[in-house]
Amino acid sequence: MKLSNSQLEKLLALATEAALTAGRYIATFDRSQLKVDHKAAGNSLSSQVVTQVDLHSQTLILDVLQPSIEQYDLAVLSEENASEDNITEHARRQKHYFWCIDPLDGTLPFIEGSAGFAVSIALVSQSGDPVIGVVHNPATGDTYQALVSDDHPVLQKNGLPWHPVTKHRCVTLYIDRSFEGDPRYQTCVEQVDRLIKTKGYDGLKIVNSCGAVMNAIGVFENPPACYLKLPKAQKGGGSLWDFSATAAIAQSSPAFWASDINGQALDLNRSDSNFMNHKGVLYLHGIECEPFVSEGNLMRYSPDPCAPDNHRQS
């Protein structure tokens, strides 16, 4: 069943209501009362921490979305209910669409008392195409909305049409904090610096204080900018719920770019995992994509030292 544009507009409004409901709760929560637990997830600290705020935010979101789940027979993939067990049997592999939810992306910045966290809600088709994306930033109150449509696309910030423009000559490179411990980090940053200087930019400013969702929003808001995650052998590299909503936002504007590290569409309904480590992630705004994806420019200089092929060569 393909949803009509009018149905998608209703679902966009519902996702926005859910994100705002969770965002109000997060914004008013007393972080001195925070209780931090750990869960089995990826191989970075940011993917392994969970709080009562993550869990309650998820409950608030699902309460708002529940009528749509029943009415349109939608599947649900939400971070705090997700598992790597029996991936092929998850309803997202069989239903026409699924809600893809991160109730609090950037839990680690939230725990530390800084900004860089967000609520992220997407509707993704069975083919892995992002259809709806809503991101709410509780720290600023800003809400970003997208509906990917050939007939009536939507791209809004705070309910108004959104057209970010290039502001700087220096490129902002957004990275996850854990990437700084990757053996490929220095080589990769040097290669990005070379690539952008060939296009006349002045150099790089590195930002490493946000979760994946706000990293992508930072790229959209502050061009010229780039956010990248290299592929790796270990499970991790972010999850489907980290990128689905911002991928919808990217597809709603020709100025934005979101792909895997080789320039191919993000695999947002991956059949064998919830993680995105297999192909990496690349977001761009205000920078041509060709220098980054041509001939594997990023990966050519930064093979994964943990990949089996590399172990055999050593």
C-alpha atoms as a PDB file:
ATOM      1  CA  MET A   1       0.000   0.000   0.000  1.00  0.00           C
ATOM      2  CA  LYS A   2       1.452   3.316  -1.081  1.00  0.00           C
ATOM      3  CA  LEU A   3       0.452   6.206   1.140  1.00  0.00           C
ATOM      4  CA  SER A   4      -1.062   9.233  -0.590  1.00  0.00           C
ATOM      5  CA  ASN A   5       0.395  12.695  -0.244  1.00  0.00           C
ATOM      6  CA  SER A   6      -2.513  13.781   1.973  1.00  0.00           C
ATOM      7  CA  GLN A   7      -1.908  10.766   4.240  1.00  0.00           C
ATOM      8  CA  LEU A   8       1.796  11.562   4.401  1.00  0.00           C
ATOM      9  CA  GLU A   9       1.029  15.167   5.335  1.00  0.00           C
ATOM     10  CA  LYS A  10      -1.084  13.920   8.217  1.00  0.00           C
ATOM     11  CA  LEU A  11       1.706  11.606   9.327  1.00  0.00           C
ATOM     12  CA  LEU A  12       4.194  14.472   9.121  1.00  0.00           C
ATOM     13  CA  ALA A  13       1.960  16.519  11.425  1.00  0.00           C
ATOM     14  CA  LEU A  14       1.670  13.563  13.808  1.00  0.00           C
ATOM     15  CA  ALA A  15       5.438  12.985  13.843  1.00  0.00           C
ATOM     16  CA  THR A  16       5.921  16.675  14.577  1.00  0.00           C
ATOM     17  CA  GLU A  17       3.463  16.481  17.475  1.00  0.00           C
ATOM     18  CA  ALA A  18       5.313  13.439  18.857  1.00  0.00           C
ATOM     19  CA  ALA A  19       8.719  15.102  18.552  1.00  0.00           C
ATOM     20  CA  LEU A  20       7.504  18.278  20.252  1.00  0.00           C
ATOM     21  CA  THR A  21       5.879  16.301  23.066  1.00  0.00           C
ATOM     22  CA  ALA A  22       9.108  14.433  23.754  1.00  0.00           C
ATOM     23  CA  GLY A  23      11.156  17.592  23.294  1.00  0.00           C
ATOM     24  CA  ARG A  24       9.200  19.515  25.931  1.00  0.00           C
ATOM     25  CA  TYR A  25       9.760  16.695  28.399  1.00  0.00           C
ATOM     26  CA  ILE A  26      13.494  16.544  27.643  1.00  0.00           C
ATOM     27  CA  ALA A  27      13.926  20.324  27.844  1.00  0.00           C
ATOM     28  CA  THR A  28      12.323  20.542  31.276  1.00  0.00           C
ATOM     29  CA  PHE A  29      13.947  17.472  32.817  1.00  0.00           C
ATOM     30  CA  ASP A  30      16.201  18.199  35.793  1.00  0.00           C
ATOM     31  CA  ARG A  31      19.488  16.655  34.685  1.00  0.00           C
ATOM     32  CA  SER A  32      20.726  16.528  38.277  1.00  0.00           C
ATOM     33  CA  GLN A  33      18.194  13.693  38.718  1.00  0.00           C
ATOM     34  CA  LEU A  34      19.549  11.703  35.779  1.00  0.00           C
ATOM     35  CA  LYS A  35      20.210   7.987  36.274  1.00  0.00           C
ATOM     36  CA  VAL A  36      22.573   6.433  33.735  1.00  0.00           C
ATOM     37  CA  ASP A  37      22.458   2.754  32.779  1.00  0.00           C
ATOM     38  CA  HIS A  38      24.241   0.758  30.116  1.00  0.00           C
ATOM     39  CA  LYS A  39      22.935  -1.479  27.363  1.00  0.00           C
ATOM     40  CA  ALA A  40      24.368  -3.903  24.833  1.00  0.00           C
ATOM     41  CA  ALA A  41      24.766  -1.915  21.641  1.00  0.00           C
ATOM     42  CA  GLY A  42      27.602  -0.708  19.412  1.00  0.00           C
ATOM     43  CA  ASN A  43      31.250  -0.402  20.353  1.00  0.00           C
ATOM     44  CA  SER A  44      31.221   3.255  21.475  1.00  0.00           C
ATOM     45  CA  LEU A  45      30.200   4.699  24.818  1.00  0.00           C
ATOM     46  CA  SER A  46      27.625   6.954  23.171  1.00  0.00           C
ATOM     47  CA  SER A  47      25.747   3.910  21.836  1.00  0.00           C
ATOM     48  CA  GLN A  48      25.840   2.062  25.157  1.00  0.00           C
ATOM     49  CA  VAL A  49      24.467   4.625  27.608  1.00  0.00           C
ATOM     50  CA  VAL A  50      20.759   4.978  28.302  1.00  0.00           C
ATOM     51  CA  THR A  51      18.767   7.027  30.794  1.00  0.00           C
ATOM     52  CA  GLN A  52      15.215   7.204  32.056  1.00  0.00           C
ATOM     53  CA  VAL A  53      14.808  10.209  29.747  1.00  0.00           C
ATOM     54  CA  ASP A  54      15.511   8.076  26.656  1.00  0.00           C
ATOM     55  CA  LEU A  55      12.947   5.529  27.794  1.00  0.00           C
ATOM     56  CA  HIS A  56      10.204   7.973  28.775  1.00  0.00           C
ATOM     57  CA  SER A  57      10.732  10.033  25.639  1.00  0.00           C
ATOM     58  CA  GLN A  58      10.206   6.872  23.608  1.00  0.00           C
ATOM     59  CA  THR A  59       6.965   6.136  25.488  1.00  0.00           C
ATOM     60  CA  LEU A  60       5.657   9.651  24.815  1.00  0.00           C
ATOM     61  CA  ILE A  61       6.452   9.363  21.114  1.00  0.00           C
ATOM     62  CA  LEU A  62       4.858   5.951  20.703  1.00  0.00           C
ATOM     63  CA  ASP A  63       1.725   7.108  22.536  1.00  0.00           C
ATOM     64  CA  VAL A  64       1.265   9.851  19.931  1.00  0.00           C
ATOM     65  CA  LEU A  65       2.101   7.627  16.952  1.00  0.00           C
ATOM     66  CA  GLN A  66       0.084   4.579  18.029  1.00  0.00           C
ATOM     67  CA  PRO A  67      -3.138   5.491  16.151  1.00  0.00           C
ATOM     68  CA  SER A  68      -1.185   5.785  12.891  1.00  0.00           C
ATOM     69  CA  ILE A  69       0.538   2.446  13.501  1.00  0.00           C
ATOM     70  CA  GLU A  70      -2.833   0.756  13.697  1.00  0.00           C
ATOM     71  CA  GLN A  71      -4.558   2.759  10.940  1.00  0.00           C
ATOM     72  CA  TYR A  72      -1.827   2.351   8.306  1.00  0.00           C
ATOM     73  CA  ASP A  73      -0.332  -0.971   9.442  1.00  0.00           C
ATOM     74  CA  LEU A  74       3.086   0.540  10.106  1.00  0.00           C
ATOM     75  CA  ALA A  75       6.065  -1.183  11.668  1.00  0.00           C
ATOM     76  CA  VAL A  76       8.138   0.493  14.386  1.00  0.00           C
ATOM     77  CA  LEU A  77      11.895   0.543  14.900  1.00  0.00           C
ATOM     78  CA  SER A  78      12.795   2.563  17.977  1.00  0.00           C
ATOM     79  CA  GLU A  79      16.212   2.641  19.601  1.00  0.00           C
ATOM     80  CA  GLU A  80      15.253   1.517  23.086  1.00  0.00           C
ATOM     81  CA  ASN A  81      13.177  -1.405  21.763  1.00  0.00           C
ATOM     82  CA  ALA A  82      15.639  -2.496  19.067  1.00  0.00           C
ATOM     83  CA  SER A  83      17.600  -5.731  19.018  1.00  0.00           C
ATOM     84  CA  GLU A  84      20.151  -7.334  16.715  1.00  0.00           C
ATOM     85  CA  ASP A  85      18.370 -10.673  17.168  1.00  0.00           C
ATOM     86  CA  ASN A  86      16.202 -12.017  14.329  1.00  0.00           C
ATOM     87  CA  ILE A  87      16.656  -8.911  12.155  1.00  0.00           C
ATOM     88  CA  THR A  88      15.148 -10.541   9.069  1.00  0.00           C
ATOM     89  CA  GLU A  89      11.963 -11.293  11.018  1.00  0.00           C
ATOM     90  CA  HIS A  90      11.442  -7.716  12.219  1.00  0.00           C
ATOM     91  CA  ALA A  91       8.229  -6.182  10.913  1.00  0.00           C
ATOM     92  CA  ARG A  92      10.175  -3.397   9.184  1.00  0.00           C
ATOM     93  CA  ARG A  93      11.286  -5.998   6.645  1.00  0.00           C
ATOM     94  CA  GLN A  94       7.707  -6.958   5.769  1.00  0.00           C
ATOM     95  CA  LYS A  95       5.576  -3.822   6.175  1.00  0.00           C
ATOM     96  CA  HIS A  96       5.275  -1.148   3.472  1.00  0.00           C
ATOM     97  CA  TYR A  97       6.516   1.554   5.876  1.00  0.00           C
ATOM     98  CA  PHE A  98       8.011   1.814   9.348  1.00  0.00           C
ATOM     99  CA  TRP A  99       8.481   4.546  11.916  1.00  0.00           C
ATOM    100  CA  CYS A 100      12.186   4.888  12.702  1.00  0.00           C
ATOM    101  CA  ILE A 101      12.640   6.648  16.047  1.00  0.00           C
ATOM    102  CA  ASP A 102      15.507   7.943  18.118  1.00  0.00           C
ATOM    103  CA  PRO A 103      13.828   9.310  21.258  1.00  0.00           C
ATOM    104  CA  LEU A 104      17.013  11.055  22.409  1.00  0.00           C
ATOM    105  CA  ASP A 105      19.934  11.115  20.025  1.00  0.00           C
ATOM    106  CA  GLY A 106      23.068  12.437  21.691  1.00  0.00           C
ATOM    107  CA  THR A 107      22.442  10.851  25.080  1.00  0.00           C
ATOM    108  CA  LEU A 108      26.092  11.358  26.020  1.00  0.00           C
ATOM    109  CA  PRO A 109      26.016  15.171  25.505  1.00  0.00           C
ATOM    110  CA  PHE A 110      22.711  15.205  27.396  1.00  0.00           C
ATOM    111  CA  ILE A 111      24.304  13.340  30.320  1.00  0.00           C
ATOM    112  CA  GLU A 112      27.257  15.719  30.307  1.00  0.00           C
ATOM    113  CA  GLY A 113      24.996  18.762  30.496  1.00  0.00           C
ATOM    114  CA  SER A 114      25.848  20.147  27.068  1.00  0.00           C
ATOM    115  CA  ALA A 115      23.826  20.634  23.885  1.00  0.00           C
ATOM    116  CA  GLY A 116      24.062  18.459  20.775  1.00  0.00           C
ATOM    117  CA  PHE A 117      21.062  16.174  21.426  1.00  0.00           C
ATOM    118  CA  ALA A 118      17.765  15.865  19.577  1.00  0.00           C
ATOM    119  CA  VAL A 119      14.555  13.932  19.029  1.00  0.00           C
ATOM    120  CA  SER A 120      14.477  12.227  15.638  1.00  0.00           C
ATOM    121  CA  ILE A 121      11.454  10.608  13.968  1.00  0.00           C
ATOM    122  CA  ALA A 122      11.315   9.276  10.405  1.00  0.00           C
ATOM    123  CA  LEU A 123       8.952   7.298   8.229  1.00  0.00           C
ATOM    124  CA  VAL A 124      10.889   4.932   5.961  1.00  0.00           C
ATOM    125  CA  SER A 125       9.562   2.781   3.138  1.00  0.00           C
ATOM    126  CA  GLN A 126      10.251  -0.946   2.893  1.00  0.00           C
ATOM    127  CA  SER A 127      12.703  -0.166   0.085  1.00  0.00           C
ATOM    128  CA  GLY A 128      14.734   1.927   2.537  1.00  0.00           C
ATOM    129  CA  ASP A 129      13.748   5.333   1.171  1.00  0.00           C
ATOM    130  CA  PRO A 130      13.197   8.060   3.780  1.00  0.00           C
ATOM    131  CA  VAL A 131       9.749   9.569   3.299  1.00  0.00           C
ATOM    132  CA  ILE A 132       9.210  11.785   6.358  1.00  0.00           C
ATOM    133  CA  GLY A 133      11.766  13.317   8.677  1.00  0.00           C
ATOM    134  CA  VAL A 134      11.243  15.369  11.835  1.00  0.00           C
ATOM    135  CA  VAL A 135      14.051  16.556  14.089  1.00  0.00           C
ATOM    136  CA  HIS A 136      13.448  18.613  17.216  1.00  0.00           C
ATOM    137  CA  ASN A 137      16.259  20.297  19.135  1.00  0.00           C
ATOM    138  CA  PRO A 138      15.099  20.654  22.761  1.00  0.00           C
ATOM    139  CA  ALA A 139      18.007  22.974  23.608  1.00  0.00           C
ATOM    140  CA  THR A 140      16.948  25.647  21.080  1.00  0.00           C
ATOM    141  CA  GLY A 141      13.315  24.742  20.452  1.00  0.00           C
ATOM    142  CA  ASP A 142      13.958  24.451  16.706  1.00  0.00           C
ATOM    143  CA  THR A 143      12.015  21.878  14.705  1.00  0.00           C
ATOM    144  CA  TYR A 144      12.969  20.635  11.235  1.00  0.00           C
ATOM    145  CA  GLN A 145      10.394  18.920   9.015  1.00  0.00           C
ATOM    146  CA  ALA A 146      10.662  17.181   5.664  1.00  0.00           C
ATOM    147  CA  LEU A 147       8.353  15.242   3.380  1.00  0.00           C
ATOM    148  CA  VAL A 148       9.979  13.652   0.335  1.00  0.00           C
ATOM    149  CA  SER A 149       7.545  13.927  -2.563  1.00  0.00           C
ATOM    150  CA  ASP A 150       7.718  14.531  -6.307  1.00  0.00           C
ATOM    151  CA  ASP A 151       4.462  16.508  -6.162  1.00  0.00           C
ATOM    152  CA  HIS A 152       4.475  18.396  -2.867  1.00  0.00           C
ATOM    153  CA  PRO A 153       7.850  18.210  -1.103  1.00  0.00           C
ATOM    154  CA  VAL A 154       8.123  19.852   2.303  1.00  0.00           C
ATOM    155  CA  LEU A 155      11.230  21.356   3.869  1.00  0.00           C
ATOM    156  CA  GLN A 156      10.554  23.554   6.879  1.00  0.00           C
ATOM    157  CA  LYS A 157      12.173  24.943   9.977  1.00  0.00           C
ATOM    158  CA  ASN A 158       9.766  25.965  12.721  1.00  0.00           C
ATOM    159  CA  GLY A 159       6.841  25.700  10.315  1.00  0.00           C
ATOM    160  CA  LEU A 160       8.318  28.018   7.664  1.00  0.00           C
ATOM    161  CA  PRO A 161      10.077  27.219   4.362  1.00  0.00           C
ATOM    162  CA  TRP A 162      13.755  26.684   5.019  1.00  0.00           C
ATOM    163  CA  HIS A 163      16.541  27.699   2.642  1.00  0.00           C
ATOM    164  CA  PRO A 164      19.935  27.703   4.403  1.00  0.00           C
ATOM    165  CA  VAL A 165      22.706  29.584   2.608  1.00  0.00           C
ATOM    166  CA  THR A 166      26.491  29.311   2.595  1.00  0.00           C
ATOM    167  CA  LYS A 167      28.018  31.536   5.249  1.00  0.00           C
ATOM    168  CA  HIS A 168      31.767  30.892   5.462  1.00  0.00           C
ATOM    169  CA  ARG A 169      34.961  30.174   3.540  1.00  0.00           C
ATOM    170  CA  CYS A 170      36.128  27.675   6.164  1.00  0.00           C
ATOM    171  CA  VAL A 171      34.577  24.189   6.057  1.00  0.00           C
ATOM    172  CA  THR A 172      33.134  22.774   9.267  1.00  0.00           C
ATOM    173  CA  LEU A 173      33.837  19.056   9.619  1.00  0.00           C
ATOM    174  CA  TYR A 174      31.438  17.331  12.002  1.00  0.00           C
ATOM    175  CA  ILE A 175      32.650  14.050  13.481  1.00  0.00           C
ATOM    176  CA  ASP A 176      31.662  11.735  16.295  1.00  0.00           C
ATOM    177  CA  ARG A 177      33.879  11.983  19.342  1.00  0.00           C
ATOM    178  CA  SER A 178      34.789   8.309  19.119  1.00  0.00           C
ATOM    179  CA  PHE A 179      36.311   8.828  15.674  1.00  0.00           C
ATOM    180  CA  GLU A 180      39.275  10.627  17.244  1.00  0.00           C
ATOM    181  CA  GLY A 181      40.409   7.271  18.649  1.00  0.00           C
ATOM    182  CA  ASP A 182      40.251   5.583  15.240  1.00  0.00           C
ATOM    183  CA  PRO A 183      43.703   4.863  13.721  1.00  0.00           C
ATOM    184  CA  ARG A 184      42.392   6.321  10.453  1.00  0.00           C
ATOM    185  CA  TYR A 185      41.405   9.647  11.984  1.00  0.00           C
ATOM    186  CA  GLN A 186      44.469  11.753  11.210  1.00  0.00           C
ATOM    187  CA  THR A 187      44.869  10.463   7.661  1.00  0.00           C
ATOM    188  CA  CYS A 188      41.189  10.999   6.929  1.00  0.00           C
ATOM    189  CA  VAL A 189      41.146  14.566   8.275  1.00  0.00           C
ATOM    190  CA  GLU A 190      44.250  15.394   6.234  1.00  0.00           C
ATOM    191  CA  GLN A 191      42.604  14.000   3.098  1.00  0.00           C
ATOM    192  CA  VAL A 192      39.434  16.019   3.681  1.00  0.00           C
ATOM    193  CA  ASP A 193      41.556  19.123   4.189  1.00  0.00           C
ATOM    194  CA  ARG A 194      43.322  18.484   0.870  1.00  0.00           C
ATOM    195  CA  LEU A 195      40.037  17.900  -0.946  1.00  0.00           C
ATOM    196  CA  ILE A 196      38.385  21.094   0.234  1.00  0.00           C
ATOM    197  CA  LYS A 197      41.467  23.221  -0.405  1.00  0.00           C
ATOM    198  CA  THR A 198      41.499  22.085  -4.047  1.00  0.00           C
ATOM    199  CA  LYS A 199      38.065  23.726  -4.240  1.00  0.00           C
ATOM    200  CA  GLY A 200      39.305  27.034  -2.832  1.00  0.00           C
ATOM    201  CA  TYR A 201      38.141  26.750   0.770  1.00  0.00           C
ATOM    202  CA  ASP A 202      40.368  28.111   3.513  1.00  0.00           C
ATOM    203  CA  GLY A 203      40.605  25.025   5.729  1.00  0.00           C
ATOM    204  CA  LEU A 204      38.809  22.954   8.353  1.00  0.00           C
ATOM    205  CA  LYS A 205      37.092  23.621  11.635  1.00  0.00           C
ATOM    206  CA  ILE A 206      36.318  20.389  13.505  1.00  0.00           C
ATOM    207  CA  VAL A 207      33.225  19.941  15.692  1.00  0.00           C
ATOM    208  CA  ASN A 208      32.971  16.767  17.795  1.00  0.00           C
ATOM    209  CA  SER A 209      30.453  17.617  20.518  1.00  0.00           C
ATOM    210  CA  CYS A 210      27.121  16.449  19.066  1.00  0.00           C
ATOM    211  CA  GLY A 211      25.172  13.292  18.442  1.00  0.00           C
ATOM    212  CA  ALA A 212      24.675  12.020  14.895  1.00  0.00           C
ATOM    213  CA  VAL A 213      21.387  13.843  14.336  1.00  0.00           C
ATOM    214  CA  MET A 214      22.679  17.259  15.359  1.00  0.00           C
ATOM    215  CA  ASN A 215      25.881  16.646  13.403  1.00  0.00           C
ATOM    216  CA  ALA A 216      23.755  16.314  10.268  1.00  0.00           C
ATOM    217  CA  ILE A 217      21.627  19.335  11.216  1.00  0.00           C
ATOM    218  CA  GLY A 218      24.863  21.262  11.784  1.00  0.00           C
ATOM    219  CA  VAL A 219      25.887  20.480   8.208  1.00  0.00           C
ATOM    220  CA  PHE A 220      22.549  21.761   6.914  1.00  0.00           C
ATOM    221  CA  GLU A 221      22.645  24.889   9.062  1.00  0.00           C
ATOM    222  CA  ASN A 222      26.297  25.899   8.649  1.00  0.00           C
ATOM    223  CA  PRO A 223      27.537  25.428   5.095  1.00  0.00           C
ATOM    224  CA  PRO A 224      30.068  24.745   3.807  1.00  0.00           C
ATOM    225  CA  ALA A 225      30.130  21.681   6.017  1.00  0.00           C
ATOM    226  CA  CYS A 226      30.663  17.939   6.034  1.00  0.00           C
ATOM    227  CA  TYR A 227      29.790  15.068   8.372  1.00  0.00           C
ATOM    228  CA  LEU A 228      31.380  11.704   7.752  1.00  0.00           C
ATOM    229  CA  LYS A 229      31.630   8.272   9.299  1.00  0.00           C
ATOM    230  CA  LEU A 230      33.999   5.730   7.766  1.00  0.00           C
ATOM    231  CA  PRO A 231      32.943   2.096   7.327  1.00  0.00           C
ATOM    232  CA  LYS A 232      34.326  -0.346   9.853  1.00  0.00           C
ATOM    233  CA  ALA A 233      34.216  -4.059  10.545  1.00  0.00           C
ATOM    234  CA  GLN A 234      32.748  -3.823  14.054  1.00  0.00           C
ATOM    235  CA  LYS A 235      29.044  -3.262  14.547  1.00  0.00           C
ATOM    236  CA  GLY A 236      28.459   0.406  15.214  1.00  0.00           C
ATOM    237  CA  GLY A 237      28.869   3.444  13.012  1.00  0.00           C
ATOM    238  CA  GLY A 238      25.507   4.756  14.073  1.00  0.00           C
ATOM    239  CA  SER A 239      22.151   3.052  13.564  1.00  0.00           C
ATOM    240  CA  LEU A 240      19.215   3.335  11.192  1.00  0.00           C
ATOM    241  CA  TRP A 241      17.412   5.673  13.606  1.00  0.00           C
ATOM    242  CA  ASP A 242      20.415   8.012  13.715  1.00  0.00           C
ATOM    243  CA  PHE A 243      20.170   8.934  10.028  1.00  0.00           C
ATOM    244  CA  SER A 244      16.675   8.260   8.672  1.00  0.00           C
ATOM    245  CA  ALA A 245      15.094  11.609   9.579  1.00  0.00           C
ATOM    246  CA  THR A 246      18.058  13.708   8.459  1.00  0.00           C
ATOM    247  CA  ALA A 247      18.270  11.669   5.231  1.00  0.00           C
ATOM    248  CA  ALA A 248      14.669  12.703   4.530  1.00  0.00           C
ATOM    249  CA  ILE A 249      15.637  16.325   5.171  1.00  0.00           C
ATOM    250  CA  ALA A 250      18.596  15.952   2.803  1.00  0.00           C
ATOM    251  CA  GLN A 251      16.414  14.524   0.051  1.00  0.00           C
ATOM    252  CA  SER A 252      14.023  17.453   0.359  1.00  0.00           C
ATOM    253  CA  SER A 253      16.575  19.980  -0.908  1.00  0.00           C
ATOM    254  CA  PRO A 254      18.928  19.831  -3.914  1.00  0.00           C
ATOM    255  CA  ALA A 255      21.426  21.800  -1.802  1.00  0.00           C
ATOM    256  CA  PHE A 256      21.894  18.924   0.669  1.00  0.00           C
ATOM    257  CA  TRP A 257      23.744  15.652   0.178  1.00  0.00           C
ATOM    258  CA  ALA A 258      23.419  12.426   2.183  1.00  0.00           C
ATOM    259  CA  SER A 259      24.908   9.110   1.068  1.00  0.00           C
ATOM    260  CA  ASP A 260      27.221   6.322   2.104  1.00  0.00           C
ATOM    261  CA  ILE A 261      30.951   6.969   1.893  1.00  0.00           C
ATOM    262  CA  ASN A 262      31.001   5.960  -1.793  1.00  0.00           C
ATOM    263  CA  GLY A 263      28.156   8.247  -2.839  1.00  0.00           C
ATOM    264  CA  GLN A 264      25.418   5.599  -2.901  1.00  0.00           C
ATOM    265  CA  ALA A 265      22.036   5.909  -1.185  1.00  0.00           C
ATOM    266  CA  LEU A 266      22.019   5.175   2.548  1.00  0.00           C
ATOM    267  CA  ASP A 267      20.880   1.639   3.357  1.00  0.00           C
ATOM    268  CA  LEU A 268      18.055   2.610   5.711  1.00  0.00           C
ATOM    269  CA  ASN A 269      16.310  -0.763   5.841  1.00  0.00           C
ATOM    270  CA  ARG A 270      19.397  -2.924   6.089  1.00  0.00           C
ATOM    271  CA  SER A 271      18.448  -6.595   6.033  1.00  0.00           C
ATOM    272  CA  ASP A 272      21.053  -7.960   8.441  1.00  0.00           C
ATOM    273  CA  SER A 273      21.594  -5.301  11.111  1.00  0.00           C
ATOM    274  CA  ASN A 274      20.357  -2.073  12.663  1.00  0.00           C
ATOM    275  CA  PHE A 275      23.857  -0.593  12.433  1.00  0.00           C
ATOM    276  CA  MET A 276      25.392   1.482   9.635  1.00  0.00           C
ATOM    277  CA  ASN A 277      29.030   0.403   9.941  1.00  0.00           C
ATOM    278  CA  HIS A 278      29.086  -1.497   6.639  1.00  0.00           C
ATOM    279  CA  LYS A 279      29.119   1.470   4.243  1.00  0.00           C
ATOM    280  CA  GLY A 280      29.710   4.596   6.300  1.00  0.00           C
ATOM    281  CA  VAL A 281      27.921   7.937   6.044  1.00  0.00           C
ATOM    282  CA  LEU A 282      28.587  11.224   4.241  1.00  0.00           C
ATOM    283  CA  TYR A 283      26.592  14.473   4.603  1.00  0.00           C
ATOM    284  CA  LEU A 284      27.532  17.625   2.668  1.00  0.00           C
ATOM    285  CA  HIS A 285      26.166  21.126   2.218  1.00  0.00           C
ATOM    286  CA  GLY A 286      27.823  23.905   0.268  1.00  0.00           C
ATOM    287  CA  ILE A 287      30.509  21.518  -1.020  1.00  0.00           C
ATOM    288  CA  GLU A 288      30.507  19.498  -4.236  1.00  0.00           C
ATOM    289  CA  CYS A 289      30.106  15.800  -3.540  1.00  0.00           C
ATOM    290  CA  GLU A 290      32.291  14.668  -6.465  1.00  0.00           C
ATOM    291  CA  PRO A 291      35.720  15.179  -4.831  1.00  0.00           C
ATOM    292  CA  PHE A 292      34.611  13.132  -1.814  1.00  0.00           C
ATOM    293  CA  VAL A 293      33.134  10.137  -3.608  1.00  0.00           C
ATOM    294  CA  SER A 294      35.246  10.077  -6.791  1.00  0.00           C
ATOM    295  CA  GLU A 295      37.440   6.973  -6.956  1.00  0.00           C
ATOM    296  CA  GLY A 296      36.902   6.293  -3.271  1.00  0.00           C
ATOM    297  CA  ASN A 297      38.844   9.403  -2.264  1.00  0.00           C
ATOM    298  CA  LEU A 298      38.127   8.997   1.447  1.00  0.00           C
ATOM    299  CA  MET A 299      38.464   5.248   1.747  1.00  0.00           C
ATOM    300  CA  ARG A 300      41.485   5.003  -0.565  1.00  0.00           C
ATOM    301  CA  TYR A 301      43.633   6.648   2.082  1.00  0.00           C
ATOM    302  CA  SER A 302      41.964   5.178   5.135  1.00  0.00           C
ATOM    303  CA  PRO A 303      41.243   1.415   5.004  1.00  0.00           C
ATOM    304  CA  ASP A 304      39.681  -0.097   8.113  1.00  0.00           C
ATOM    305  CA  PRO A 305      42.475  -1.671  10.201  1.00  0.00           C
ATOM    306  CA  CYS A 306      39.908  -3.989  11.791  1.00  0.00           C
ATOM    307  CA  ALA A 307      38.604  -5.403   8.496  1.00  0.00           C
ATOM    308  CA  PRO A 308      39.450  -9.088   7.884  1.00  0.00           C
ATOM    309  CA  ASP A 309      41.300  -8.318   4.637  1.00  0.00           C
ATOM    310  CA  ASN A 310      43.606  -5.927   6.440  1.00  0.00           C
ATOM    311  CA  HIS A 311      44.325  -8.475   9.163  1.00  0.00           C
ATOM    312  CA  ARG A 312      45.372 -10.972   6.512  1.00  0.00           C
ATOM    313  CA  GLN A 313      47.719  -8.467   4.944  1.00  0.00           C
ATOM    314  CA  SER A 314      49.476  -7.604   8.199  1.00  0.00           C
END
